[in-house]
Amino acid sequence: MLRRPGRSSFAADAFVFPGGALDASDGAGDSAYLVAGVREVLEEVGILIGEAHGGDTDLAARVEAARSKLLAGAGLMETVTEHDLAVFLERLVYIGRFITPPREGRRYDTRFFALAASRDMDVRLHAAEAVEGGWYRPESMLGLEFPAIMPPTRMMCHEFARLGSVDAILRTLGAHPIEVTEITPEVVARWTALQPERGASS
């Protein structure tokens, strides 16, 4: 997770998962969300969901060069091809979707994806995207309150802690994604009140 800068127009200073808006270069249809997910993770935390062609020689330098080009506005697929990298879109598992209320001045239709990360995936923050961040236990996020964490993010952390393992998260939420297309004050109040469940672990 990462904490957004205070100057952000949305969720300023809040802890969030890596993510962002679709770009035209991400394509169209459901696959565009996968492309955007891989691109945003690389841009914001420096993690490549993929591999290098021909081995890992100079992998870190190639990934960083690709990241810089993405941050300058290049498309994901052309960038990884140029740097002889491959991305694994199929590793992202769709686990949720949330749409902000109509009363909001700017509405967001957000999809959440999960990934079984390897232990060598080090977080490298980009200063323009975050002021702090890294790997956090989901139950530790439940000690935060709005506006330090947005209600849907808090609810997802509660589910991660409740399920207790990466396998359970992918299996359970992959089969039954959480989809809330009408976020009401009652829904927000319920999410905000969620507490860690006894025995939860990750």
Protein backbone atom coordinates (compact mmCIF):
# COMPACT_ATOMS: atom_id res chain seq x y z
CA MET A 1 0.00 0.00 0.00
CA LEU A 2 1.04 3.61 -0.38
CA ARG A 3 0.00 6.91 1.14
CA ARG A 4 -1.04 9.56 -1.33
CA PRO A 5 0.49 13.06 -1.19
CA GLY A 6 -1.48 15.74 0.62
CA ARG A 7 -1.88 17.68 -2.61
CA SER A 8 -3.81 14.85 -4.29
CA SER A 9 -7.23 15.82 -5.62
CA PHE A 10 -8.76 12.58 -4.29
CA ALA A 11 -7.99 10.67 -1.08
CA ALA A 12 -5.25 13.12 -0.08
CA ASP A 13 -2.96 11.68 2.64
CA ALA A 14 -4.89 8.39 2.58
CA PHE A 15 -3.45 4.89 2.37
CA VAL A 16 -4.50 3.21 -0.87
CA PHE A 17 -3.62 0.27 -3.06
CA PRO A 18 -1.58 1.10 -6.18
CA GLY A 19 -3.91 2.14 -8.97
CA GLY A 20 -5.16 4.90 -11.19
CA ALA A 21 -7.17 5.83 -14.24
CA LEU A 22 -7.37 3.97 -17.53
CA ASP A 23 -5.22 5.41 -20.31
CA ALA A 24 -6.23 5.33 -23.97
CA SER A 25 -3.18 3.12 -24.62
CA ASP A 26 -4.53 0.48 -22.21
CA GLY A 27 -7.01 -0.63 -24.87
CA ALA A 28 -10.71 -1.35 -24.51
CA GLY A 29 -12.97 -3.84 -22.78
CA ASP A 30 -12.18 -5.96 -19.73
CA SER A 31 -8.55 -6.48 -20.77
CA ALA A 32 -7.90 -2.74 -20.51
CA TYR A 33 -8.33 -2.96 -16.73
CA LEU A 34 -5.69 -5.68 -16.55
CA VAL A 35 -3.27 -3.62 -18.62
CA ALA A 36 -3.95 -0.57 -16.45
CA GLY A 37 -3.41 -2.63 -13.30
CA VAL A 38 -0.02 -3.90 -14.42
CA ARG A 39 0.98 -0.44 -15.65
CA GLU A 40 -0.04 1.35 -12.45
CA VAL A 41 1.78 -1.14 -10.22
CA LEU A 42 4.95 -0.61 -12.23
CA GLU A 43 4.55 3.17 -12.23
CA GLU A 44 3.67 3.61 -8.57
CA VAL A 45 5.67 0.94 -6.73
CA GLY A 46 8.25 -0.19 -9.30
CA ILE A 47 7.08 -3.83 -9.46
CA LEU A 48 6.96 -5.63 -12.80
CA ILE A 49 4.20 -8.22 -12.98
CA GLY A 50 6.11 -10.18 -15.59
CA GLU A 51 9.60 -11.24 -16.51
CA ALA A 52 12.56 -10.43 -18.73
CA HIS A 53 13.10 -12.16 -22.05
CA GLY A 54 16.44 -13.91 -22.25
CA GLY A 55 17.09 -13.99 -18.49
CA ASP A 56 17.38 -11.44 -15.72
CA THR A 57 20.56 -9.72 -16.89
CA ASP A 58 20.25 -6.00 -16.06
CA LEU A 59 16.62 -6.63 -15.10
CA ALA A 60 16.48 -3.88 -12.48
CA ALA A 61 17.86 -1.31 -14.91
CA ARG A 62 15.49 -2.39 -17.67
CA VAL A 63 12.48 -2.28 -15.36
CA GLU A 64 13.46 1.17 -14.11
CA ALA A 65 13.92 2.41 -17.68
CA ALA A 66 10.50 1.05 -18.61
CA ARG A 67 8.98 2.68 -15.54
CA SER A 68 10.45 6.06 -16.44
CA LYS A 69 9.01 5.83 -19.93
CA LEU A 70 5.56 4.93 -18.57
CA LEU A 71 5.65 7.88 -16.19
CA ALA A 72 6.42 10.08 -19.19
CA GLY A 73 3.20 8.90 -20.85
CA ALA A 74 4.16 5.89 -22.97
CA GLY A 75 1.87 2.86 -23.29
CA LEU A 76 2.60 -0.32 -21.36
CA MET A 77 2.74 -2.86 -24.16
CA GLU A 78 5.02 -0.85 -26.43
CA THR A 79 7.28 -0.01 -23.49
CA VAL A 80 7.80 -3.58 -22.26
CA THR A 81 8.44 -4.72 -25.84
CA GLU A 82 11.06 -2.03 -26.29
CA HIS A 83 12.87 -3.12 -23.12
CA ASP A 84 12.56 -6.84 -23.89
CA LEU A 85 10.20 -7.50 -21.00
CA ALA A 86 6.99 -9.52 -20.77
CA VAL A 87 3.92 -8.90 -18.61
CA PHE A 88 1.56 -11.50 -17.15
CA LEU A 89 -1.91 -10.00 -17.28
CA GLU A 90 -3.47 -13.35 -16.43
CA ARG A 91 -1.94 -13.29 -12.95
CA LEU A 92 -4.28 -10.52 -11.87
CA VAL A 93 -7.43 -11.93 -10.25
CA TYR A 94 -10.54 -9.75 -10.30
CA ILE A 95 -11.87 -9.45 -6.73
CA GLY A 96 -14.08 -6.37 -6.57
CA ARG A 97 -15.71 -3.30 -8.04
CA PHE A 98 -16.95 -0.11 -6.41
CA ILE A 99 -18.75 2.94 -7.82
CA THR A 100 -18.82 6.15 -5.81
CA PRO A 101 -22.19 7.79 -5.03
CA PRO A 102 -23.95 10.03 -7.58
CA ARG A 103 -23.70 12.98 -5.17
CA GLU A 104 -19.91 13.04 -5.53
CA GLY A 105 -18.63 15.79 -7.80
CA ARG A 106 -16.26 13.36 -9.50
CA ARG A 107 -17.40 9.73 -9.69
CA TYR A 108 -15.08 6.71 -9.73
CA ASP A 109 -15.81 3.25 -11.11
CA THR A 110 -12.99 1.22 -9.59
CA ARG A 111 -12.01 -2.42 -10.05
CA PHE A 112 -9.80 -4.28 -7.60
CA PHE A 113 -7.41 -7.07 -8.56
CA ALA A 114 -5.31 -9.39 -6.40
CA LEU A 115 -1.96 -10.98 -7.14
CA ALA A 116 0.13 -13.64 -5.41
CA ALA A 117 3.33 -11.64 -5.03
CA SER A 118 6.75 -13.26 -4.76
CA ARG A 119 9.06 -12.44 -1.87
CA ASP A 120 11.53 -10.63 -4.14
CA MET A 121 9.01 -7.95 -5.17
CA ASP A 122 10.52 -4.90 -3.48
CA VAL A 123 8.48 -1.72 -3.29
CA ARG A 124 10.21 1.31 -4.81
CA LEU A 125 7.97 4.34 -4.39
CA HIS A 126 7.79 7.20 -6.86
CA ALA A 127 7.92 10.54 -5.07
CA ALA A 128 5.18 12.08 -7.21
CA GLU A 129 2.83 9.19 -6.43
CA ALA A 130 3.36 8.54 -2.72
CA VAL A 131 4.95 9.94 0.42
CA GLU A 132 5.34 6.53 2.09
CA GLY A 133 4.39 2.92 1.54
CA GLY A 134 5.39 -0.71 1.44
CA TRP A 135 4.01 -4.11 2.47
CA TYR A 136 1.52 -3.98 5.34
CA ARG A 137 -0.48 -6.62 7.19
CA PRO A 138 -4.15 -6.00 6.34
CA GLU A 139 -5.30 -6.01 9.96
CA SER A 140 -2.91 -3.14 10.72
CA MET A 141 -4.86 -0.97 8.28
CA LEU A 142 -8.05 -1.48 10.31
CA GLY A 143 -6.65 0.81 13.00
CA LEU A 144 -6.92 3.70 10.54
CA GLU A 145 -10.08 5.75 10.15
CA PHE A 146 -11.42 8.00 7.38
CA PRO A 147 -9.84 10.09 5.88
CA ALA A 148 -6.59 8.18 6.50
CA ILE A 149 -8.16 5.24 4.66
CA MET A 150 -11.15 5.23 2.30
CA PRO A 151 -14.10 3.03 3.34
CA PRO A 152 -13.85 0.57 0.40
CA THR A 153 -10.10 0.13 1.00
CA ARG A 154 -10.73 -0.50 4.68
CA MET A 155 -13.42 -3.06 3.87
CA MET A 156 -11.09 -4.90 1.49
CA CYS A 157 -8.38 -5.00 4.18
CA HIS A 158 -10.94 -6.46 6.58
CA GLU A 159 -11.76 -9.20 4.05
CA PHE A 160 -8.08 -9.96 3.49
CA ALA A 161 -7.49 -10.28 7.24
CA ARG A 162 -10.64 -12.37 7.70
CA LEU A 163 -9.70 -14.80 4.93
CA GLY A 164 -6.24 -15.14 6.39
CA SER A 165 -4.07 -16.25 3.46
CA VAL A 166 -3.20 -15.37 -0.11
CA ASP A 167 -4.66 -18.65 -1.37
CA ALA A 168 -7.95 -18.05 0.45
CA ILE A 169 -8.19 -14.49 -0.86
CA LEU A 170 -7.62 -15.52 -4.47
CA ARG A 171 -9.90 -18.55 -4.22
CA THR A 172 -12.78 -16.91 -2.34
CA LEU A 173 -12.85 -13.41 -3.78
CA GLY A 174 -11.83 -14.68 -7.21
CA ALA A 175 -14.96 -16.83 -7.25
CA HIS A 176 -17.18 -14.27 -5.52
CA PRO A 177 -15.94 -10.71 -6.15
CA ILE A 178 -17.26 -7.95 -3.91
CA GLU A 179 -19.27 -5.63 -6.14
CA VAL A 180 -20.95 -2.56 -4.70
CA THR A 181 -22.42 -0.29 -7.36
CA GLU A 182 -24.53 1.78 -4.97
CA ILE A 183 -22.50 3.10 -2.05
CA THR A 184 -24.93 4.61 0.46
CA PRO A 185 -24.21 6.31 3.81
CA GLU A 186 -25.41 3.11 5.49
CA VAL A 187 -22.89 1.03 3.53
CA VAL A 188 -20.07 3.45 4.40
CA ALA A 189 -21.04 3.37 8.09
CA ARG A 190 -20.94 -0.45 8.07
CA TRP A 191 -17.51 -0.52 6.43
CA THR A 192 -16.16 2.13 8.80
CA ALA A 193 -17.27 0.11 11.83
CA LEU A 194 -15.51 -3.10 10.76
CA GLN A 195 -12.99 -4.41 13.30
CA PRO A 196 -10.38 -7.19 13.10
CA GLU A 197 -11.92 -10.60 13.69
CA ARG A 198 -10.54 -12.78 16.44
CA GLY A 199 -7.95 -15.17 15.07
CA ALA A 200 -7.50 -13.32 11.79
CA SER A 201 -4.01 -13.57 10.30
CA SER A 202 -2.26 -13.06 6.99
